[in-house]
Amino acid sequence: MIKNTYQKPSPQTQEDALRIAKGIQRPAQTKEQTKLIAQGIQKGIEIYKKQQKEKAREFNKKLKKVANQKTSSVESDEHEVEHIIVYRQHWLPWVLLVLSWVSIGVGYFVGFLKA
């Protein structure tokens, strides 16, 4: 059973279509012709609105899909992070650094005492 889902256009759409049709009206054009043009413009507006609604629905579906993927990946990441890796630095570079500063200090004082 097919259900007819045709909705009557909103008064705002009808007014906009009539205003546009009157704006492009030719001098020898009858009222009936202007009404037909307004109906065509009105249908164009309705089609445009339907397309925009469809695009918005598709965009929302994609957003929900991405959000669901992020939440599922976060949940799987929580299970994967079980080991904490601690990096330890070797003591040799620190000893060499301290020795170099000490030797510079000693050299400065020896040079200061000779002068």
Protein backbone atom coordinates (compact mmCIF):
# COMPACT_ATOMS: atom_id res chain seq x y z
CA MET A 1 0.00 0.00 0.00
CA ILE A 2 1.59 3.26 -1.10
CA LYS A 3 0.98 6.23 1.09
CA ASN A 4 0.84 9.66 -0.51
CA THR A 5 3.09 11.92 1.55
CA TYR A 6 2.54 15.12 -0.40
CA GLN A 7 2.45 18.08 1.92
CA LYS A 8 0.92 21.41 1.10
CA PRO A 9 3.65 24.01 0.70
CA SER A 10 4.08 26.51 3.48
CA PRO A 11 2.59 29.99 3.11
CA GLN A 12 6.12 31.40 3.29
CA THR A 13 7.15 29.34 0.25
CA GLN A 14 4.01 30.37 -1.64
CA GLU A 15 4.64 34.05 -0.91
CA ASP A 16 8.29 33.80 -1.93
CA ALA A 17 7.41 32.06 -5.18
CA LEU A 18 4.71 34.62 -6.02
CA ARG A 19 7.03 37.53 -5.21
CA ILE A 20 9.76 36.08 -7.45
CA ALA A 21 7.25 35.41 -10.25
CA LYS A 22 5.96 38.99 -10.08
CA GLY A 23 9.53 40.25 -10.09
CA ILE A 24 10.27 38.55 -13.42
CA GLN A 25 6.84 39.20 -14.95
CA ARG A 26 6.73 40.39 -18.58
CA PRO A 27 4.50 43.31 -19.65
CA ALA A 28 2.08 41.20 -21.76
CA GLN A 29 1.87 38.33 -19.27
CA THR A 30 -1.53 37.30 -17.82
CA LYS A 31 -2.26 36.51 -14.18
CA GLU A 32 -2.74 32.83 -15.04
CA GLN A 33 0.72 32.68 -16.59
CA THR A 34 2.20 34.39 -13.55
CA LYS A 35 0.48 31.84 -11.29
CA LEU A 36 1.89 28.98 -13.37
CA ILE A 37 5.36 30.47 -13.11
CA ALA A 38 4.89 30.89 -9.35
CA GLN A 39 3.88 27.22 -9.07
CA GLY A 40 7.01 26.19 -10.96
CA ILE A 41 9.18 28.30 -8.70
CA GLN A 42 7.36 26.87 -5.70
CA LYS A 43 8.10 23.31 -6.84
CA GLY A 44 11.72 24.26 -7.33
CA ILE A 45 11.90 25.60 -3.78
CA GLU A 46 10.28 22.42 -2.44
CA ILE A 47 12.75 20.21 -4.33
CA TYR A 48 15.65 22.30 -3.03
CA LYS A 49 14.38 21.98 0.55
CA LYS A 50 14.02 18.20 0.17
CA GLN A 51 17.56 17.93 -1.14
CA GLN A 52 18.90 19.96 1.75
CA LYS A 53 17.02 17.82 4.27
CA GLU A 54 18.42 14.67 2.66
CA LYS A 55 21.94 16.07 2.78
CA ALA A 56 21.48 16.97 6.44
CA ARG A 57 20.23 13.44 7.21
CA GLU A 58 23.19 11.87 5.44
CA PHE A 59 25.58 14.18 7.27
CA ASN A 60 24.02 13.29 10.63
CA LYS A 61 24.30 9.58 9.80
CA LYS A 62 27.99 10.01 9.00
CA LEU A 63 28.56 11.96 12.22
CA LYS A 64 26.86 9.27 14.27
CA LYS A 65 28.86 6.57 12.51
CA VAL A 66 32.15 8.36 13.21
CA ALA A 67 31.13 8.99 16.82
CA ASN A 68 30.29 5.29 17.28
CA GLN A 69 33.63 4.28 15.76
CA LYS A 70 35.49 6.63 18.10
CA THR A 71 33.73 5.28 21.19
CA SER A 72 34.39 1.69 20.15
CA SER A 73 38.06 2.45 19.40
CA VAL A 74 38.42 4.19 22.78
CA GLU A 75 36.97 1.15 24.50
CA SER A 76 39.35 -1.17 22.67
CA ASP A 77 42.29 1.13 23.47
CA GLU A 78 41.48 0.94 27.17
CA HIS A 79 41.91 -2.82 27.08
CA GLU A 80 45.14 -2.64 25.15
CA VAL A 81 46.91 -0.25 27.56
CA GLU A 82 47.91 -2.56 30.36
CA HIS A 83 51.69 -2.20 30.52
CA ILE A 84 53.36 1.02 31.58
CA ILE A 85 56.81 1.42 30.11
CA VAL A 86 59.32 3.34 32.22
CA TYR A 87 62.45 4.51 30.48
CA ARG A 88 65.58 4.85 32.60
CA GLN A 89 68.46 6.98 31.52
CA HIS A 90 72.00 5.72 31.82
CA TRP A 91 74.13 7.30 34.55
CA LEU A 92 77.26 7.84 32.40
CA PRO A 93 76.14 11.03 30.58
CA TRP A 94 75.21 12.67 33.88
CA VAL A 95 78.56 11.78 35.44
CA LEU A 96 80.42 13.17 32.43
CA LEU A 97 78.38 16.37 32.58
CA VAL A 98 79.16 16.88 36.27
CA LEU A 99 82.86 16.13 35.69
CA SER A 100 83.05 18.62 32.83
CA TRP A 101 81.49 21.39 34.96
CA VAL A 102 83.79 20.57 37.86
CA SER A 103 86.84 20.62 35.58
CA ILE A 104 85.76 23.98 34.09
CA GLY A 105 85.30 25.37 37.61
CA VAL A 106 88.70 24.08 38.76
CA GLY A 107 90.37 25.47 35.63
CA TYR A 108 88.77 28.86 36.25
CA PHE A 109 89.97 29.02 39.86
CA VAL A 110 93.50 27.81 38.94
CA GLY A 111 93.67 30.45 36.21
CA PHE A 112 92.30 33.08 38.63
CA LEU A 113 94.89 32.20 41.30
CA LYS A 114 97.84 32.39 38.82
CA ALA A 115 96.82 35.84 37.66
